[in-house]
Amino acid sequence: MGDCIFCKIAKGSIPSKTIYEDSHFRVFMDVNPATDGHCLIIPKEHFDNIYDLDAETAGKLFSLATCIARAMRDALGCGGINVVQNNGEIAGQTVKHFHLHLIPRYENDGQYLLWKPHESDPDKLEELRKKIKKSI
């Protein structure tokens, strides 16, 4: 994808504050961080979103995410980490290249999750469960 900014970062043609790189992934600091230490994990191969990501790449990516998350906890002393991944414009995806956010969380950091939980209807939950299960 010639015009994809994350493909350019993955190839090294756009500089980044890289904290880890191998033949499949690059992990770098987010230039517009939610909190101190916020980083992104991207596959070097272009995938638009989670729907396009193959199972092998996904497995390797989440294995790497656990390693990076532990390193962030130990190095930054954060009290927790949000793992965020958006798919589609309506879900907040702004770069059409699969990427996983690791956002360190600190006491009173001013960040909040995007949804407000609400009470569910048990019948609707069952209906949705059946629909999803049928599609697996």
N, C-alpha and C. Protein backbone atom coordinates (compact mmCIF):
# COMPACT_ATOMS: atom_id res chain seq x y z
N MET A 1 0.86 -1.18 0.00
CA MET A 1 0.00 0.00 0.00
C MET A 1 0.90 1.23 0.00
N GLY A 2 1.12 1.79 -1.15
CA GLY A 2 2.08 2.87 -1.31
C GLY A 2 1.81 4.13 -0.52
N ASP A 3 0.54 4.45 -0.25
CA ASP A 3 0.23 5.69 0.46
C ASP A 3 -0.08 5.46 1.94
N CYS A 4 0.06 4.25 2.44
CA CYS A 4 -0.25 3.93 3.83
C CYS A 4 0.89 4.38 4.74
N ILE A 5 0.58 5.27 5.68
CA ILE A 5 1.61 5.80 6.57
C ILE A 5 2.24 4.70 7.44
N PHE A 6 1.44 3.73 7.86
CA PHE A 6 2.01 2.66 8.70
C PHE A 6 2.87 1.70 7.88
N CYS A 7 2.55 1.50 6.60
CA CYS A 7 3.44 0.71 5.74
C CYS A 7 4.79 1.41 5.61
N LYS A 8 4.76 2.72 5.48
CA LYS A 8 6.00 3.49 5.38
C LYS A 8 6.80 3.42 6.68
N ILE A 9 6.11 3.49 7.81
CA ILE A 9 6.80 3.35 9.10
C ILE A 9 7.36 1.93 9.23
N ALA A 10 6.57 0.93 8.84
CA ALA A 10 7.02 -0.47 8.92
C ALA A 10 8.29 -0.69 8.11
N LYS A 11 8.40 -0.05 6.95
CA LYS A 11 9.57 -0.20 6.08
C LYS A 11 10.74 0.68 6.52
N GLY A 12 10.48 1.62 7.42
CA GLY A 12 11.54 2.51 7.88
C GLY A 12 11.72 3.74 7.02
N SER A 13 10.84 3.95 6.03
CA SER A 13 10.98 5.14 5.19
C SER A 13 10.44 6.40 5.88
N ILE A 14 9.65 6.22 6.91
CA ILE A 14 9.27 7.32 7.81
C ILE A 14 9.85 6.95 9.17
N PRO A 15 10.63 7.84 9.78
CA PRO A 15 11.23 7.51 11.07
C PRO A 15 10.18 7.37 12.17
N SER A 16 10.50 6.52 13.13
CA SER A 16 9.62 6.33 14.28
C SER A 16 10.48 6.07 15.51
N LYS A 17 9.90 6.26 16.65
CA LYS A 17 10.57 5.95 17.92
C LYS A 17 10.31 4.48 18.21
N THR A 18 11.02 3.62 17.49
CA THR A 18 10.82 2.18 17.56
C THR A 18 11.40 1.61 18.85
N ILE A 19 10.59 0.78 19.52
CA ILE A 19 11.08 0.11 20.73
C ILE A 19 11.33 -1.37 20.49
N TYR A 20 10.77 -1.92 19.39
CA TYR A 20 11.00 -3.32 19.05
C TYR A 20 10.71 -3.50 17.57
N GLU A 21 11.51 -4.37 16.94
CA GLU A 21 11.28 -4.69 15.54
C GLU A 21 11.80 -6.09 15.27
N ASP A 22 11.04 -6.84 14.47
CA ASP A 22 11.51 -8.11 13.94
C ASP A 22 11.06 -8.20 12.49
N SER A 23 11.13 -9.35 11.88
CA SER A 23 10.78 -9.45 10.46
C SER A 23 9.28 -9.30 10.20
N HIS A 24 8.45 -9.43 11.25
CA HIS A 24 7.00 -9.37 11.07
C HIS A 24 6.33 -8.10 11.63
N PHE A 25 6.94 -7.49 12.66
CA PHE A 25 6.27 -6.41 13.37
C PHE A 25 7.21 -5.26 13.69
N ARG A 26 6.62 -4.11 13.92
CA ARG A 26 7.33 -2.96 14.46
C ARG A 26 6.46 -2.42 15.60
N VAL A 27 7.11 -2.10 16.71
CA VAL A 27 6.45 -1.49 17.85
C VAL A 27 7.09 -0.12 18.05
N PHE A 28 6.26 0.91 18.07
CA PHE A 28 6.80 2.26 18.16
C PHE A 28 5.90 3.15 19.02
N MET A 29 6.49 4.24 19.49
CA MET A 29 5.78 5.19 20.33
C MET A 29 4.75 5.95 19.51
N ASP A 30 3.56 6.11 20.05
CA ASP A 30 2.51 6.90 19.39
C ASP A 30 2.89 8.38 19.49
N VAL A 31 2.87 9.09 18.37
CA VAL A 31 3.25 10.51 18.38
C VAL A 31 2.15 11.40 18.95
N ASN A 32 0.95 10.86 19.11
CA ASN A 32 -0.17 11.57 19.75
C ASN A 32 -0.69 10.69 20.88
N PRO A 33 0.11 10.52 21.94
CA PRO A 33 -0.22 9.53 22.96
C PRO A 33 -1.39 9.92 23.85
N ALA A 34 -2.13 8.90 24.28
CA ALA A 34 -3.18 9.09 25.28
C ALA A 34 -2.54 9.30 26.65
N THR A 35 -1.46 8.57 26.92
CA THR A 35 -0.71 8.68 28.17
C THR A 35 0.78 8.48 27.85
N ASP A 36 1.62 8.77 28.83
CA ASP A 36 3.06 8.56 28.64
C ASP A 36 3.35 7.08 28.43
N GLY A 37 4.05 6.77 27.35
CA GLY A 37 4.43 5.40 27.05
C GLY A 37 3.52 4.70 26.05
N HIS A 38 2.45 5.35 25.60
CA HIS A 38 1.50 4.79 24.64
C HIS A 38 2.26 4.36 23.38
N CYS A 39 2.11 3.10 23.01
CA CYS A 39 2.79 2.61 21.81
C CYS A 39 1.83 1.83 20.92
N LEU A 40 2.27 1.61 19.69
CA LEU A 40 1.49 0.88 18.69
C LEU A 40 2.28 -0.33 18.23
N ILE A 41 1.57 -1.42 18.00
CA ILE A 41 2.17 -2.61 17.37
C ILE A 41 1.52 -2.74 16.01
N ILE A 42 2.35 -2.80 14.95
CA ILE A 42 1.82 -2.98 13.61
C ILE A 42 2.50 -4.17 12.93
N PRO A 43 1.74 -4.93 12.17
CA PRO A 43 2.38 -5.93 11.32
C PRO A 43 3.03 -5.22 10.15
N LYS A 44 4.16 -5.72 9.70
CA LYS A 44 4.83 -5.11 8.55
C LYS A 44 4.05 -5.37 7.26
N GLU A 45 3.35 -6.48 7.21
CA GLU A 45 2.48 -6.75 6.07
C GLU A 45 1.20 -5.93 6.25
N HIS A 46 0.68 -5.39 5.16
CA HIS A 46 -0.52 -4.55 5.26
C HIS A 46 -1.77 -5.41 5.40
N PHE A 47 -2.52 -5.13 6.45
CA PHE A 47 -3.87 -5.65 6.66
C PHE A 47 -4.71 -4.42 7.01
N ASP A 48 -5.83 -4.22 6.35
CA ASP A 48 -6.66 -3.05 6.65
C ASP A 48 -7.17 -3.05 8.08
N ASN A 49 -7.60 -4.22 8.56
CA ASN A 49 -8.25 -4.30 9.87
C ASN A 49 -8.25 -5.75 10.36
N ILE A 50 -8.91 -6.00 11.47
CA ILE A 50 -8.94 -7.33 12.07
C ILE A 50 -9.61 -8.36 11.16
N TYR A 51 -10.55 -7.90 10.33
CA TYR A 51 -11.25 -8.82 9.44
C TYR A 51 -10.32 -9.41 8.39
N ASP A 52 -9.25 -8.71 8.06
CA ASP A 52 -8.29 -9.16 7.05
C ASP A 52 -7.09 -9.91 7.65
N LEU A 53 -6.91 -9.81 8.95
CA LEU A 53 -5.75 -10.39 9.63
C LEU A 53 -5.87 -11.91 9.68
N ASP A 54 -4.82 -12.62 9.29
CA ASP A 54 -4.85 -14.08 9.36
C ASP A 54 -4.52 -14.55 10.78
N ALA A 55 -4.94 -15.76 11.09
CA ALA A 55 -4.82 -16.29 12.46
C ALA A 55 -3.36 -16.39 12.92
N GLU A 56 -2.45 -16.76 12.03
CA GLU A 56 -1.05 -16.90 12.42
C GLU A 56 -0.46 -15.53 12.82
N THR A 57 -0.72 -14.52 12.01
CA THR A 57 -0.23 -13.18 12.33
C THR A 57 -0.85 -12.68 13.63
N ALA A 58 -2.15 -12.90 13.80
CA ALA A 58 -2.84 -12.48 15.01
C ALA A 58 -2.23 -13.13 16.25
N GLY A 59 -1.94 -14.42 16.17
CA GLY A 59 -1.34 -15.13 17.29
C GLY A 59 0.03 -14.57 17.65
N LYS A 60 0.85 -14.35 16.64
CA LYS A 60 2.19 -13.78 16.88
C LYS A 60 2.08 -12.37 17.45
N LEU A 61 1.13 -11.59 16.93
CA LEU A 61 0.96 -10.21 17.39
C LEU A 61 0.56 -10.16 18.86
N PHE A 62 -0.38 -10.99 19.27
CA PHE A 62 -0.81 -10.95 20.67
C PHE A 62 0.21 -11.55 21.61
N SER A 63 1.02 -12.47 21.12
CA SER A 63 2.13 -12.97 21.91
C SER A 63 3.14 -11.85 22.15
N LEU A 64 3.43 -11.09 21.11
CA LEU A 64 4.33 -9.94 21.23
C LEU A 64 3.72 -8.89 22.17
N ALA A 65 2.41 -8.66 22.06
CA ALA A 65 1.74 -7.67 22.91
C ALA A 65 1.91 -7.98 24.38
N THR A 66 1.85 -9.25 24.76
CA THR A 66 2.03 -9.60 26.18
C THR A 66 3.44 -9.28 26.64
N CYS A 67 4.41 -9.54 25.78
CA CYS A 67 5.81 -9.24 26.11
C CYS A 67 6.02 -7.73 26.26
N ILE A 68 5.50 -6.95 25.33
CA ILE A 68 5.66 -5.50 25.39
C ILE A 68 4.91 -4.94 26.60
N ALA A 69 3.71 -5.45 26.87
CA ALA A 69 2.93 -4.97 28.02
C ALA A 69 3.68 -5.19 29.32
N ARG A 70 4.29 -6.35 29.49
CA ARG A 70 5.08 -6.62 30.71
C ARG A 70 6.27 -5.66 30.81
N ALA A 71 6.92 -5.42 29.69
CA ALA A 71 8.07 -4.50 29.68
C ALA A 71 7.62 -3.09 30.03
N MET A 72 6.48 -2.68 29.53
CA MET A 72 5.95 -1.35 29.84
C MET A 72 5.62 -1.24 31.32
N ARG A 73 4.95 -2.26 31.86
CA ARG A 73 4.63 -2.26 33.30
C ARG A 73 5.89 -2.12 34.14
N ASP A 74 6.90 -2.92 33.80
CA ASP A 74 8.13 -2.91 34.58
C ASP A 74 8.92 -1.62 34.41
N ALA A 75 9.00 -1.10 33.20
CA ALA A 75 9.80 0.10 32.93
C ALA A 75 9.10 1.39 33.37
N LEU A 76 7.77 1.43 33.22
CA LEU A 76 7.05 2.68 33.45
C LEU A 76 6.35 2.74 34.80
N GLY A 77 6.19 1.60 35.44
CA GLY A 77 5.50 1.57 36.73
C GLY A 77 4.03 1.93 36.62
N CYS A 78 3.43 1.68 35.47
CA CYS A 78 2.01 1.99 35.29
C CYS A 78 1.16 0.99 36.09
N GLY A 79 -0.03 1.43 36.47
CA GLY A 79 -0.90 0.59 37.27
C GLY A 79 -1.71 -0.39 36.45
N GLY A 80 -1.72 -0.22 35.13
CA GLY A 80 -2.46 -1.09 34.23
C GLY A 80 -2.19 -0.68 32.79
N ILE A 81 -2.78 -1.43 31.87
CA ILE A 81 -2.62 -1.13 30.44
C ILE A 81 -3.94 -1.41 29.75
N ASN A 82 -4.37 -0.47 28.91
CA ASN A 82 -5.49 -0.73 28.01
C ASN A 82 -4.93 -1.25 26.70
N VAL A 83 -5.52 -2.30 26.19
CA VAL A 83 -5.20 -2.83 24.87
C VAL A 83 -6.39 -2.45 24.00
N VAL A 84 -6.14 -1.59 23.00
CA VAL A 84 -7.23 -1.05 22.19
C VAL A 84 -6.95 -1.31 20.72
N GLN A 85 -7.99 -1.72 20.01
CA GLN A 85 -7.86 -1.98 18.59
C GLN A 85 -9.19 -1.62 17.92
N ASN A 86 -9.18 -0.64 17.02
CA ASN A 86 -10.40 -0.15 16.38
C ASN A 86 -10.49 -0.66 14.94
N ASN A 87 -11.71 -0.99 14.52
CA ASN A 87 -11.93 -1.50 13.16
C ASN A 87 -13.09 -0.77 12.52
N GLY A 88 -12.80 -0.06 11.45
CA GLY A 88 -13.83 0.70 10.75
C GLY A 88 -13.94 2.11 11.30
N GLU A 89 -14.31 3.00 10.43
CA GLU A 89 -14.42 4.41 10.77
C GLU A 89 -15.39 4.64 11.94
N ILE A 90 -16.50 3.94 11.93
CA ILE A 90 -17.50 4.13 12.99
C ILE A 90 -16.96 3.71 14.36
N ALA A 91 -15.95 2.85 14.37
CA ALA A 91 -15.33 2.40 15.63
C ALA A 91 -14.11 3.23 16.00
N GLY A 92 -13.80 4.25 15.20
CA GLY A 92 -12.69 5.14 15.52
C GLY A 92 -11.39 4.82 14.81
N GLN A 93 -11.40 3.89 13.85
CA GLN A 93 -10.16 3.59 13.11
C GLN A 93 -9.86 4.75 12.17
N THR A 94 -8.68 5.35 12.33
CA THR A 94 -8.30 6.49 11.49
C THR A 94 -7.22 6.13 10.48
N VAL A 95 -6.43 5.10 10.74
CA VAL A 95 -5.42 4.63 9.80
C VAL A 95 -5.84 3.23 9.37
N LYS A 96 -6.00 3.03 8.07
CA LYS A 96 -6.49 1.76 7.54
C LYS A 96 -5.36 0.74 7.38
N HIS A 97 -4.68 0.51 8.49
CA HIS A 97 -3.62 -0.51 8.59
C HIS A 97 -3.78 -1.05 10.01
N PHE A 98 -4.00 -2.35 10.14
CA PHE A 98 -4.22 -2.93 11.46
C PHE A 98 -3.14 -2.45 12.43
N HIS A 99 -3.57 -1.98 13.59
CA HIS A 99 -2.62 -1.60 14.64
C HIS A 99 -3.27 -1.80 15.99
N LEU A 100 -2.44 -2.16 16.94
CA LEU A 100 -2.87 -2.42 18.31
C LEU A 100 -2.24 -1.36 19.21
N HIS A 101 -3.09 -0.67 19.97
CA HIS A 101 -2.61 0.33 20.92
C HIS A 101 -2.35 -0.35 22.26
N LEU A 102 -1.21 -0.06 22.86
CA LEU A 102 -0.93 -0.42 24.25
C LEU A 102 -0.82 0.91 25.00
N ILE A 103 -1.80 1.16 25.87
CA ILE A 103 -1.88 2.46 26.55
C ILE A 103 -1.67 2.25 28.05
N PRO A 104 -0.50 2.67 28.56
CA PRO A 104 -0.26 2.55 30.00
C PRO A 104 -1.26 3.42 30.76
N ARG A 105 -1.72 2.93 31.89
CA ARG A 105 -2.67 3.69 32.70
C ARG A 105 -2.05 4.04 34.04
N TYR A 106 -2.28 5.29 34.42
CA TYR A 106 -1.75 5.84 35.66
C TYR A 106 -2.90 6.44 36.47
N GLU A 107 -2.74 6.48 37.75
CA GLU A 107 -3.73 7.12 38.62
C GLU A 107 -4.00 8.55 38.15
N ASN A 108 -5.26 8.90 38.01
CA ASN A 108 -5.68 10.25 37.60
C ASN A 108 -5.07 10.72 36.27
N ASP A 109 -4.95 9.81 35.28
CA ASP A 109 -4.36 10.20 33.99
C ASP A 109 -5.36 10.90 33.06
N GLY A 110 -6.61 11.00 33.46
CA GLY A 110 -7.60 11.72 32.68
C GLY A 110 -8.18 10.97 31.51
N GLN A 111 -7.81 9.71 31.33
CA GLN A 111 -8.33 8.91 30.21
C GLN A 111 -9.52 8.07 30.68
N TYR A 112 -10.46 7.87 29.76
CA TYR A 112 -11.67 7.10 30.06
C TYR A 112 -11.98 6.17 28.90
N LEU A 113 -12.62 5.07 29.19
CA LEU A 113 -13.05 4.15 28.14
C LEU A 113 -14.16 4.79 27.33
N LEU A 114 -14.38 4.29 26.12
CA LEU A 114 -15.30 4.91 25.18
C LEU A 114 -16.76 4.54 25.38
N TRP A 115 -17.08 3.55 26.18
CA TRP A 115 -18.48 3.15 26.29
C TRP A 115 -18.98 3.27 27.72
N LYS A 116 -20.30 3.38 27.81
CA LYS A 116 -20.95 3.42 29.11
C LYS A 116 -21.78 2.14 29.22
N PRO A 117 -21.40 1.22 30.09
CA PRO A 117 -22.18 -0.02 30.22
C PRO A 117 -23.63 0.27 30.61
N HIS A 118 -24.51 -0.55 30.12
CA HIS A 118 -25.92 -0.43 30.46
C HIS A 118 -26.48 -1.82 30.75
N GLU A 119 -27.61 -1.86 31.41
CA GLU A 119 -28.22 -3.13 31.75
C GLU A 119 -28.70 -3.82 30.48
N SER A 120 -28.54 -5.13 30.44
CA SER A 120 -28.91 -5.88 29.24
C SER A 120 -30.23 -6.61 29.45
N ASP A 121 -30.83 -6.98 28.33
CA ASP A 121 -32.05 -7.77 28.32
C ASP A 121 -31.63 -9.22 28.08
N PRO A 122 -31.91 -10.14 29.01
CA PRO A 122 -31.48 -11.54 28.85
C PRO A 122 -31.96 -12.18 27.56
N ASP A 123 -33.17 -11.86 27.11
CA ASP A 123 -33.68 -12.44 25.85
C ASP A 123 -32.88 -11.93 24.66
N LYS A 124 -32.55 -10.65 24.68
CA LYS A 124 -31.76 -10.08 23.58
C LYS A 124 -30.34 -10.67 23.59
N LEU A 125 -29.76 -10.84 24.78
CA LEU A 125 -28.44 -11.47 24.86
C LEU A 125 -28.46 -12.86 24.24
N GLU A 126 -29.49 -13.63 24.53
CA GLU A 126 -29.60 -14.98 23.98
C GLU A 126 -29.76 -14.93 22.46
N GLU A 127 -30.56 -14.01 21.95
CA GLU A 127 -30.74 -13.87 20.51
C GLU A 127 -29.42 -13.52 19.83
N LEU A 128 -28.67 -12.58 20.41
CA LEU A 128 -27.38 -12.19 19.84
C LEU A 128 -26.37 -13.32 19.93
N ARG A 129 -26.37 -14.03 21.05
CA ARG A 129 -25.46 -15.17 21.21
C ARG A 129 -25.68 -16.19 20.11
N LYS A 130 -26.94 -16.51 19.84
CA LYS A 130 -27.27 -17.50 18.80
C LYS A 130 -26.81 -17.02 17.42
N LYS A 131 -27.04 -15.76 17.11
CA LYS A 131 -26.62 -15.22 15.81
C LYS A 131 -25.12 -15.32 15.61
N ILE A 132 -24.38 -14.90 16.64
CA ILE A 132 -22.92 -14.92 16.52
C ILE A 132 -22.41 -16.35 16.44
N LYS A 133 -22.92 -17.21 17.32
CA LYS A 133 -22.47 -18.61 17.33
C LYS A 133 -22.72 -19.29 15.99
N LYS A 134 -23.84 -18.99 15.37
CA LYS A 134 -24.17 -19.58 14.06
C LYS A 134 -23.17 -19.16 12.99
N SER A 135 -22.60 -17.98 13.13
CA SER A 135 -21.67 -17.47 12.12
C SER A 135 -20.23 -17.92 12.31
N ILE A 136 -19.96 -18.57 13.43
CA ILE A 136 -18.58 -19.02 13.69
C ILE A 136 -18.25 -20.24 12.83
